[in-house]
């Protein structure tokens, strides 16, 4: 068994993350995709599989479009021990701007994963 120096196996972590068109009642991705349609896709989700999170864990993102900052958010789980969490991105009036997006995910302020996705 390999152990990485400096990593605490009990620390909160994002084990996996995907972009999705939909989720089920348990917060699992049911429409995983990396390319979305600017006219058809009104809501997209960044769905994470988590390990060792508590209500005090801070999950956050910074979102970019074609390398430029779009927005960011910080959230906390509603209870200890959840394994699924997601951020929702919903377009109101108009269409999403076309381009290449990058979502950088953080756990307690530490960079965890990046999710690239595209709107065409």
N, C-alpha and C. Protein backbone atom coordinates (compact mmCIF):
# COMPACT_ATOMS: atom_id res chain seq x y z
N UNK A 1 0.83 -1.17 0.00
CA UNK A 1 0.00 0.00 0.00
C UNK A 1 0.88 1.24 0.00
N UNK A 2 0.65 2.15 -0.96
CA UNK A 2 1.42 3.38 -1.04
C UNK A 2 0.78 4.46 -0.19
N UNK A 3 1.59 5.18 0.54
CA UNK A 3 1.10 6.33 1.31
C UNK A 3 1.81 7.56 0.80
N UNK A 4 1.04 8.60 0.52
CA UNK A 4 1.62 9.86 0.08
C UNK A 4 1.96 10.69 1.30
N UNK A 5 3.17 11.22 1.34
CA UNK A 5 3.59 12.05 2.45
C UNK A 5 2.73 13.31 2.51
N UNK A 6 2.36 13.69 3.72
CA UNK A 6 1.65 14.94 3.92
C UNK A 6 0.15 14.85 3.72
N UNK A 7 -0.36 13.74 3.23
CA UNK A 7 -1.81 13.61 3.04
C UNK A 7 -2.43 12.92 4.25
N UNK A 8 -3.46 13.52 4.76
CA UNK A 8 -4.17 12.97 5.89
C UNK A 8 -5.37 12.19 5.35
N UNK A 9 -5.40 10.86 5.50
CA UNK A 9 -6.50 10.08 4.93
C UNK A 9 -7.86 10.41 5.57
N UNK A 10 -7.86 11.06 6.74
CA UNK A 10 -9.12 11.42 7.40
C UNK A 10 -9.58 12.83 7.01
N UNK A 11 -8.79 13.53 6.22
CA UNK A 11 -9.15 14.90 5.83
C UNK A 11 -10.31 14.88 4.83
N UNK A 12 -11.16 15.91 4.86
CA UNK A 12 -12.24 16.00 3.87
C UNK A 12 -11.65 16.08 2.47
N UNK A 13 -12.31 15.42 1.51
CA UNK A 13 -11.77 15.41 0.15
C UNK A 13 -12.88 15.24 -0.88
N UNK A 14 -12.61 15.75 -2.08
CA UNK A 14 -13.45 15.48 -3.25
C UNK A 14 -12.81 14.30 -3.96
N UNK A 15 -13.50 13.19 -4.02
CA UNK A 15 -12.95 11.99 -4.63
C UNK A 15 -13.15 11.98 -6.14
N UNK A 16 -14.26 12.59 -6.57
CA UNK A 16 -14.59 12.61 -8.00
C UNK A 16 -15.51 13.80 -8.22
N UNK A 17 -15.44 14.38 -9.42
CA UNK A 17 -16.36 15.47 -9.78
C UNK A 17 -16.64 15.39 -11.28
N UNK A 18 -17.90 15.63 -11.63
CA UNK A 18 -18.32 15.62 -13.03
C UNK A 18 -19.32 16.74 -13.27
N UNK A 19 -19.42 17.17 -14.50
CA UNK A 19 -20.48 18.09 -14.91
C UNK A 19 -21.64 17.24 -15.41
N UNK A 20 -22.86 17.71 -15.18
CA UNK A 20 -24.04 16.92 -15.53
C UNK A 20 -25.21 17.81 -15.92
N UNK A 21 -26.07 17.26 -16.77
CA UNK A 21 -27.32 17.96 -17.14
C UNK A 21 -28.42 17.75 -16.10
N UNK A 22 -28.27 16.68 -15.30
CA UNK A 22 -29.32 16.35 -14.35
C UNK A 22 -28.73 15.57 -13.18
N UNK A 23 -29.54 15.49 -12.10
CA UNK A 23 -29.17 14.72 -10.92
C UNK A 23 -30.39 13.93 -10.46
N UNK A 24 -30.15 12.87 -9.69
CA UNK A 24 -31.26 12.12 -9.13
C UNK A 24 -31.57 12.64 -7.72
N UNK A 25 -32.50 12.00 -7.05
CA UNK A 25 -32.95 12.45 -5.73
C UNK A 25 -31.85 12.37 -4.66
N UNK A 26 -30.83 11.56 -4.90
CA UNK A 26 -29.73 11.44 -3.95
C UNK A 26 -28.55 12.34 -4.30
N UNK A 27 -28.68 13.13 -5.37
CA UNK A 27 -27.61 14.03 -5.76
C UNK A 27 -26.55 13.41 -6.65
N UNK A 28 -26.85 12.26 -7.23
CA UNK A 28 -25.93 11.61 -8.18
C UNK A 28 -26.12 12.20 -9.56
N UNK A 29 -25.05 12.34 -10.31
CA UNK A 29 -25.14 12.81 -11.70
C UNK A 29 -25.86 11.77 -12.54
N UNK A 30 -26.85 12.21 -13.33
CA UNK A 30 -27.59 11.29 -14.20
C UNK A 30 -27.50 11.69 -15.66
N UNK A 31 -26.84 12.79 -15.95
CA UNK A 31 -26.70 13.26 -17.32
C UNK A 31 -25.31 13.81 -17.55
N UNK A 32 -24.30 13.01 -17.16
CA UNK A 32 -22.91 13.45 -17.24
C UNK A 32 -22.56 13.90 -18.65
N UNK A 33 -21.88 15.07 -18.73
CA UNK A 33 -21.49 15.62 -20.03
C UNK A 33 -20.33 16.59 -19.84
N UNK A 34 -19.62 16.83 -20.91
CA UNK A 34 -18.56 17.84 -20.92
C UNK A 34 -18.87 18.94 -21.92
N UNK A 35 -19.83 18.67 -22.81
CA UNK A 35 -20.23 19.65 -23.82
C UNK A 35 -21.74 19.89 -23.67
N UNK A 36 -22.12 21.16 -23.60
CA UNK A 36 -23.52 21.54 -23.42
C UNK A 36 -23.95 22.45 -24.56
N UNK A 37 -25.26 22.51 -24.79
CA UNK A 37 -25.84 23.31 -25.86
C UNK A 37 -26.34 24.64 -25.30
N UNK A 38 -25.90 25.76 -25.88
CA UNK A 38 -26.27 27.08 -25.36
C UNK A 38 -27.77 27.33 -25.38
N UNK A 39 -28.49 26.71 -26.30
CA UNK A 39 -29.92 26.95 -26.40
C UNK A 39 -30.76 25.93 -25.64
N UNK A 40 -30.29 24.71 -25.51
CA UNK A 40 -31.09 23.65 -24.89
C UNK A 40 -30.80 23.45 -23.40
N UNK A 41 -29.56 23.60 -23.00
CA UNK A 41 -29.19 23.34 -21.61
C UNK A 41 -29.35 24.60 -20.78
N UNK A 42 -30.35 24.62 -19.92
CA UNK A 42 -30.64 25.80 -19.08
C UNK A 42 -30.01 25.66 -17.70
N UNK A 43 -29.88 24.42 -17.22
CA UNK A 43 -29.32 24.15 -15.90
C UNK A 43 -28.23 23.10 -16.06
N UNK A 44 -27.09 23.34 -15.43
CA UNK A 44 -26.02 22.34 -15.37
C UNK A 44 -25.54 22.24 -13.93
N UNK A 45 -24.98 21.08 -13.60
CA UNK A 45 -24.56 20.79 -12.24
C UNK A 45 -23.09 20.36 -12.21
N UNK A 46 -22.39 20.78 -11.18
CA UNK A 46 -21.07 20.24 -10.87
C UNK A 46 -21.31 19.30 -9.69
N UNK A 47 -21.20 18.00 -9.94
CA UNK A 47 -21.56 16.99 -8.95
C UNK A 47 -20.28 16.37 -8.39
N UNK A 48 -20.19 16.37 -7.06
CA UNK A 48 -18.98 15.87 -6.39
C UNK A 48 -19.30 14.66 -5.53
N UNK A 49 -18.38 13.71 -5.51
CA UNK A 49 -18.40 12.60 -4.58
C UNK A 49 -17.39 12.95 -3.49
N UNK A 50 -17.85 12.95 -2.24
CA UNK A 50 -17.04 13.44 -1.13
C UNK A 50 -16.64 12.34 -0.15
N UNK A 51 -15.61 12.66 0.63
CA UNK A 51 -15.13 11.74 1.67
C UNK A 51 -14.79 12.56 2.91
N UNK A 52 -15.25 12.10 4.05
CA UNK A 52 -14.90 12.68 5.35
C UNK A 52 -15.32 14.13 5.55
N UNK A 53 -16.43 14.55 4.97
CA UNK A 53 -16.88 15.94 5.16
C UNK A 53 -17.77 16.05 6.41
N UNK A 54 -17.76 17.25 6.96
CA UNK A 54 -18.63 17.58 8.09
C UNK A 54 -19.38 18.86 7.73
N UNK A 55 -20.28 19.27 8.62
CA UNK A 55 -21.03 20.51 8.40
C UNK A 55 -20.09 21.72 8.34
N UNK A 56 -18.92 21.58 8.90
CA UNK A 56 -17.96 22.69 8.93
C UNK A 56 -17.05 22.74 7.71
N UNK A 57 -17.10 21.72 6.87
CA UNK A 57 -16.27 21.68 5.66
C UNK A 57 -16.74 22.77 4.69
N UNK A 58 -15.80 23.52 4.17
CA UNK A 58 -16.13 24.56 3.18
C UNK A 58 -15.79 24.04 1.79
N UNK A 59 -16.83 23.93 0.96
CA UNK A 59 -16.68 23.53 -0.43
C UNK A 59 -16.89 24.79 -1.27
N UNK A 60 -16.01 25.01 -2.22
CA UNK A 60 -16.11 26.24 -3.01
C UNK A 60 -15.64 26.00 -4.44
N UNK A 61 -15.93 27.00 -5.27
CA UNK A 61 -15.47 26.97 -6.65
C UNK A 61 -15.13 28.37 -7.11
N UNK A 62 -14.30 28.41 -8.15
CA UNK A 62 -14.09 29.61 -8.96
C UNK A 62 -14.33 29.16 -10.39
N UNK A 63 -15.15 29.92 -11.12
CA UNK A 63 -15.50 29.55 -12.50
C UNK A 63 -14.92 30.57 -13.47
N UNK A 64 -14.38 30.04 -14.57
CA UNK A 64 -13.78 30.85 -15.62
C UNK A 64 -14.42 30.54 -16.97
N UNK A 65 -14.50 31.53 -17.84
CA UNK A 65 -14.94 31.36 -19.22
C UNK A 65 -13.85 31.91 -20.10
N UNK A 66 -13.29 31.05 -20.96
CA UNK A 66 -12.19 31.43 -21.85
C UNK A 66 -11.08 32.13 -21.08
N UNK A 67 -10.77 31.61 -19.88
CA UNK A 67 -9.67 32.12 -19.07
C UNK A 67 -9.99 33.34 -18.23
N UNK A 68 -11.21 33.86 -18.31
CA UNK A 68 -11.58 35.05 -17.53
C UNK A 68 -12.55 34.67 -16.41
N UNK A 69 -12.35 35.28 -15.24
CA UNK A 69 -13.18 35.03 -14.07
C UNK A 69 -14.65 35.29 -14.37
N UNK A 70 -15.53 34.36 -13.95
CA UNK A 70 -16.98 34.52 -14.10
C UNK A 70 -17.62 34.74 -12.73
N UNK A 71 -17.42 33.77 -11.81
CA UNK A 71 -17.99 33.87 -10.48
C UNK A 71 -17.35 32.87 -9.54
N UNK A 72 -17.77 32.93 -8.26
CA UNK A 72 -17.28 31.99 -7.26
C UNK A 72 -18.35 31.84 -6.18
N UNK A 73 -18.21 30.78 -5.40
CA UNK A 73 -19.18 30.52 -4.34
C UNK A 73 -18.54 29.63 -3.29
N UNK A 74 -18.97 29.81 -2.05
CA UNK A 74 -18.57 28.94 -0.94
C UNK A 74 -19.85 28.39 -0.31
N UNK A 75 -19.86 27.10 -0.02
CA UNK A 75 -21.03 26.46 0.61
C UNK A 75 -20.54 25.43 1.62
N UNK A 76 -21.45 25.04 2.50
CA UNK A 76 -21.15 24.00 3.47
C UNK A 76 -22.25 22.94 3.45
N UNK A 77 -21.87 21.67 3.63
CA UNK A 77 -22.89 20.61 3.68
C UNK A 77 -23.86 20.84 4.84
N UNK A 78 -25.06 20.32 4.69
CA UNK A 78 -26.09 20.49 5.72
C UNK A 78 -25.94 19.51 6.88
N UNK A 79 -25.11 18.45 6.68
CA UNK A 79 -24.91 17.47 7.75
C UNK A 79 -23.56 16.79 7.58
N UNK A 80 -23.11 16.17 8.64
CA UNK A 80 -21.85 15.43 8.62
C UNK A 80 -22.00 14.16 7.79
N UNK A 81 -20.91 13.76 7.13
CA UNK A 81 -20.86 12.47 6.47
C UNK A 81 -21.54 12.33 5.12
N UNK A 82 -22.00 13.43 4.52
CA UNK A 82 -22.63 13.28 3.20
C UNK A 82 -21.58 12.86 2.18
N UNK A 83 -22.02 12.16 1.16
CA UNK A 83 -21.08 11.69 0.13
C UNK A 83 -21.32 12.35 -1.22
N UNK A 84 -22.46 13.03 -1.39
CA UNK A 84 -22.75 13.73 -2.65
C UNK A 84 -23.04 15.19 -2.36
N UNK A 85 -22.54 16.05 -3.22
CA UNK A 85 -22.79 17.48 -3.11
C UNK A 85 -22.71 18.05 -4.51
N UNK A 86 -23.51 19.10 -4.77
CA UNK A 86 -23.44 19.68 -6.11
C UNK A 86 -23.67 21.18 -6.07
N UNK A 87 -23.07 21.85 -7.03
CA UNK A 87 -23.33 23.25 -7.30
C UNK A 87 -24.20 23.31 -8.54
N UNK A 88 -25.18 24.19 -8.54
CA UNK A 88 -26.10 24.35 -9.65
C UNK A 88 -25.81 25.66 -10.38
N UNK A 89 -25.79 25.58 -11.70
CA UNK A 89 -25.63 26.77 -12.54
C UNK A 89 -26.85 26.85 -13.43
N UNK A 90 -27.63 27.90 -13.25
CA UNK A 90 -28.88 28.04 -13.99
C UNK A 90 -28.87 29.36 -14.75
N UNK A 91 -29.17 29.26 -16.03
CA UNK A 91 -29.22 30.45 -16.88
C UNK A 91 -30.63 30.98 -16.89
N UNK A 92 -30.78 32.22 -16.57
CA UNK A 92 -32.09 32.86 -16.59
C UNK A 92 -32.47 33.23 -18.01
N UNK A 93 -32.65 34.49 -18.27
CA UNK A 93 -33.02 34.99 -19.60
C UNK A 93 -31.81 34.92 -20.53
N UNK A 94 -32.06 34.53 -21.77
CA UNK A 94 -30.97 34.45 -22.76
C UNK A 94 -30.29 33.10 -22.73
N UNK A 95 -29.13 33.03 -23.35
CA UNK A 95 -28.37 31.80 -23.45
C UNK A 95 -27.04 31.93 -22.72
N UNK A 96 -26.46 30.78 -22.37
CA UNK A 96 -25.10 30.79 -21.84
C UNK A 96 -24.17 31.32 -22.92
N UNK A 97 -23.15 32.06 -22.55
CA UNK A 97 -22.14 32.44 -23.54
C UNK A 97 -21.40 31.19 -24.05
N UNK A 98 -21.17 31.14 -25.35
CA UNK A 98 -20.40 30.04 -25.92
C UNK A 98 -18.97 30.16 -25.44
N UNK A 99 -18.33 28.99 -25.27
CA UNK A 99 -16.92 29.00 -24.93
C UNK A 99 -16.52 27.87 -24.02
N UNK A 100 -15.26 27.94 -23.61
CA UNK A 100 -14.66 26.92 -22.75
C UNK A 100 -14.66 27.41 -21.31
N UNK A 101 -15.31 26.64 -20.45
CA UNK A 101 -15.40 26.96 -19.04
C UNK A 101 -14.44 26.06 -18.25
N UNK A 102 -14.00 26.58 -17.13
CA UNK A 102 -13.19 25.78 -16.21
C UNK A 102 -13.71 26.07 -14.81
N UNK A 103 -14.02 25.03 -14.09
CA UNK A 103 -14.50 25.13 -12.72
C UNK A 103 -13.40 24.56 -11.83
N UNK A 104 -12.83 25.39 -10.97
CA UNK A 104 -11.80 24.93 -10.04
C UNK A 104 -12.48 24.74 -8.68
N UNK A 105 -12.40 23.52 -8.15
CA UNK A 105 -13.06 23.16 -6.90
C UNK A 105 -12.07 23.14 -5.74
N UNK A 106 -12.54 23.59 -4.58
CA UNK A 106 -11.71 23.70 -3.38
C UNK A 106 -12.41 23.03 -2.20
N UNK A 107 -11.59 22.49 -1.29
CA UNK A 107 -12.07 21.97 0.00
C UNK A 107 -11.31 22.72 1.08
N UNK A 108 -12.05 23.43 1.91
CA UNK A 108 -11.45 24.24 2.98
C UNK A 108 -10.34 25.15 2.45
N UNK A 109 -10.58 25.73 1.29
CA UNK A 109 -9.63 26.68 0.70
C UNK A 109 -8.47 26.06 -0.05
N UNK A 110 -8.38 24.74 -0.06
CA UNK A 110 -7.30 24.06 -0.77
C UNK A 110 -7.80 23.55 -2.11
N UNK A 111 -7.08 23.90 -3.17
CA UNK A 111 -7.45 23.47 -4.53
C UNK A 111 -7.52 21.95 -4.57
N UNK A 112 -8.61 21.43 -5.16
CA UNK A 112 -8.81 20.00 -5.22
C UNK A 112 -8.83 19.47 -6.65
N UNK A 113 -9.81 19.91 -7.45
CA UNK A 113 -9.98 19.42 -8.81
C UNK A 113 -10.37 20.54 -9.77
N UNK A 114 -10.14 20.30 -11.04
CA UNK A 114 -10.64 21.19 -12.08
C UNK A 114 -11.55 20.42 -13.01
N UNK A 115 -12.66 21.07 -13.38
CA UNK A 115 -13.60 20.48 -14.31
C UNK A 115 -13.72 21.38 -15.53
N UNK A 116 -13.21 20.95 -16.66
CA UNK A 116 -13.42 21.73 -17.88
C UNK A 116 -14.74 21.31 -18.53
N UNK A 117 -15.45 22.27 -19.11
CA UNK A 117 -16.66 21.97 -19.88
C UNK A 117 -16.87 23.07 -20.90
N UNK A 118 -17.69 22.79 -21.89
CA UNK A 118 -17.85 23.70 -23.01
C UNK A 118 -19.34 23.93 -23.30
N UNK A 119 -19.66 25.14 -23.69
CA UNK A 119 -20.99 25.46 -24.22
C UNK A 119 -20.81 25.79 -25.69
N UNK A 120 -21.54 25.05 -26.55
CA UNK A 120 -21.49 25.29 -28.01
C UNK A 120 -22.84 25.73 -28.50
